[in-house]
Amino acid sequence: MPTHAIWIGRLLVAVGIIGYGYGMFAGNASLTALIPAVFGIVLMLLGHLSHAKETLRKHLMHVAVIFALLGFLLPAGRLISKAGDLTFSAAVASQLAMALLCLAFVILAVRSFVAARRIV
């Protein structure tokens, strides 16, 4: 799971940087475009820490899943609340990418936790 956290984190950082870069290119850059990058950095840190501290792996991965769940719920809730008058834009694409990446991590983590329970 730590490897998944690191890779999903990297993808989230890329989404944030690309979103901010697009905003700079379009002339309307906003720091909120970097929100996926912040979530990505946290997931990467938790992944690297769980590689380094084997005894804390379970706890760190549970924190990572909670953080990823928030990373799914916040943009998904925002997209759903504006579903009626939603027009496709870079912000919507960034929110959608963040929600899907975080959801993918949550699903992978839950599957991993269930598999670990079956082994024990």
Protein backbone atom coordinates (compact mmCIF):
# COMPACT_ATOMS: atom_id res chain seq x y z
CA MET A 1 0.00 0.00 0.00
CA PRO A 2 2.77 2.53 0.65
CA THR A 3 3.82 2.25 -2.98
CA HIS A 4 0.26 2.99 -4.09
CA ALA A 5 0.17 6.02 -1.79
CA ILE A 6 3.40 7.31 -3.31
CA TRP A 7 2.24 6.85 -6.90
CA ILE A 8 -1.23 8.31 -6.35
CA GLY A 9 0.46 11.18 -4.52
CA ARG A 10 2.74 11.79 -7.50
CA LEU A 11 -0.23 11.85 -9.84
CA LEU A 12 -2.06 14.30 -7.59
CA VAL A 13 1.00 16.56 -7.52
CA ALA A 14 1.06 16.42 -11.32
CA VAL A 15 -2.64 17.34 -11.48
CA GLY A 16 -2.03 20.33 -9.22
CA ILE A 17 1.03 21.55 -11.12
CA ILE A 18 -0.62 21.11 -14.51
CA GLY A 19 -3.75 22.91 -13.29
CA TYR A 20 -1.75 25.81 -11.91
CA GLY A 21 0.44 25.94 -15.04
CA TYR A 22 -2.65 26.03 -17.24
CA GLY A 23 -4.04 28.86 -15.12
CA MET A 24 -0.81 30.81 -15.49
CA PHE A 25 -0.86 30.24 -19.25
CA ALA A 26 -4.50 31.36 -19.45
CA GLY A 27 -3.84 34.40 -17.28
CA ASN A 28 -6.06 33.43 -14.35
CA ALA A 29 -3.83 31.34 -12.07
CA SER A 30 -5.19 30.61 -8.63
CA LEU A 31 -3.50 28.95 -5.68
CA THR A 32 -6.54 26.71 -5.29
CA ALA A 33 -5.34 24.84 -8.37
CA LEU A 34 -2.56 23.48 -6.15
CA ILE A 35 -4.94 21.75 -3.73
CA PRO A 36 -4.48 18.35 -5.43
CA ALA A 37 -0.71 18.82 -5.09
CA VAL A 38 -1.07 19.39 -1.34
CA PHE A 39 -3.07 16.18 -0.97
CA GLY A 40 -0.50 14.41 -3.14
CA ILE A 41 2.41 15.60 -1.02
CA VAL A 42 0.70 14.36 2.13
CA LEU A 43 0.01 10.95 0.56
CA MET A 44 3.60 10.69 -0.66
CA LEU A 45 4.95 11.59 2.78
CA LEU A 46 2.74 9.01 4.45
CA GLY A 47 3.82 6.40 1.91
CA HIS A 48 7.52 7.14 2.40
CA LEU A 49 7.16 7.21 6.18
CA SER A 50 5.40 3.85 6.17
CA HIS A 51 8.25 2.40 4.10
CA ALA A 52 10.74 3.75 6.63
CA LYS A 53 8.82 2.87 9.81
CA GLU A 54 7.57 -0.68 9.41
CA THR A 55 6.05 -0.69 12.90
CA LEU A 56 3.86 2.32 12.05
CA ARG A 57 2.78 1.12 8.61
CA LYS A 58 -0.79 0.18 9.57
CA HIS A 59 -1.43 3.46 11.34
CA LEU A 60 0.13 5.59 8.60
CA MET A 61 -1.83 3.81 5.88
CA HIS A 62 -5.05 4.30 7.80
CA VAL A 63 -4.28 8.01 8.06
CA ALA A 64 -3.53 8.03 4.31
CA VAL A 65 -6.89 6.42 3.56
CA ILE A 66 -8.75 8.94 5.71
CA PHE A 67 -6.91 11.75 3.95
CA ALA A 68 -7.68 10.23 0.53
CA LEU A 69 -11.33 9.84 1.50
CA LEU A 70 -11.43 13.56 2.26
CA GLY A 71 -9.65 14.13 -1.05
CA PHE A 72 -12.50 12.30 -2.74
CA LEU A 73 -15.44 13.72 -0.80
CA LEU A 74 -14.49 17.41 -1.02
CA PRO A 75 -14.16 17.75 -4.82
CA ALA A 76 -16.92 15.21 -5.48
CA GLY A 77 -19.30 17.13 -3.22
CA ARG A 78 -18.39 20.35 -4.95
CA LEU A 79 -18.97 18.82 -8.38
CA ILE A 80 -22.30 17.31 -7.33
CA SER A 81 -23.51 20.56 -5.79
CA LYS A 82 -22.86 22.38 -9.06
CA ALA A 83 -24.05 19.55 -11.32
CA GLY A 84 -26.98 21.55 -12.72
CA ASP A 85 -24.93 24.39 -14.21
CA LEU A 86 -21.60 22.61 -14.61
CA THR A 87 -19.54 23.55 -17.65
CA PHE A 88 -16.36 21.67 -18.43
CA SER A 89 -13.30 23.72 -17.55
CA ALA A 90 -9.78 23.19 -16.27
CA ALA A 91 -11.03 23.54 -12.69
CA VAL A 92 -13.70 20.90 -13.22
CA ALA A 93 -11.16 18.58 -14.87
CA SER A 94 -8.78 19.05 -11.94
CA GLN A 95 -11.50 18.38 -9.37
CA LEU A 96 -12.66 15.32 -11.27
CA ALA A 97 -9.12 13.97 -11.56
CA MET A 98 -8.49 14.54 -7.86
CA ALA A 99 -11.74 12.83 -6.88
CA LEU A 100 -11.07 9.83 -9.10
CA LEU A 101 -7.46 9.39 -8.01
CA CYS A 102 -8.37 9.61 -4.34
CA LEU A 103 -11.28 7.20 -4.84
CA ALA A 104 -8.95 4.76 -6.58
CA PHE A 105 -6.58 4.89 -3.61
CA VAL A 106 -9.41 4.37 -1.12
CA ILE A 107 -10.65 1.34 -3.07
CA LEU A 108 -7.16 -0.15 -3.31
CA ALA A 109 -6.58 0.43 0.40
CA VAL A 110 -9.86 -1.14 1.46
CA ARG A 111 -9.12 -4.17 -0.70
CA SER A 112 -5.67 -4.40 0.85
CA PHE A 113 -7.04 -4.10 4.40
CA VAL A 114 -9.62 -6.82 3.73
CA ALA A 115 -6.96 -9.10 2.23
CA ALA A 116 -4.72 -8.53 5.24
CA ARG A 117 -7.55 -9.50 7.57
CA ARG A 118 -8.09 -12.77 5.70
CA ILE A 119 -4.44 -13.71 6.08
CA VAL A 120 -4.36 -13.15 9.85
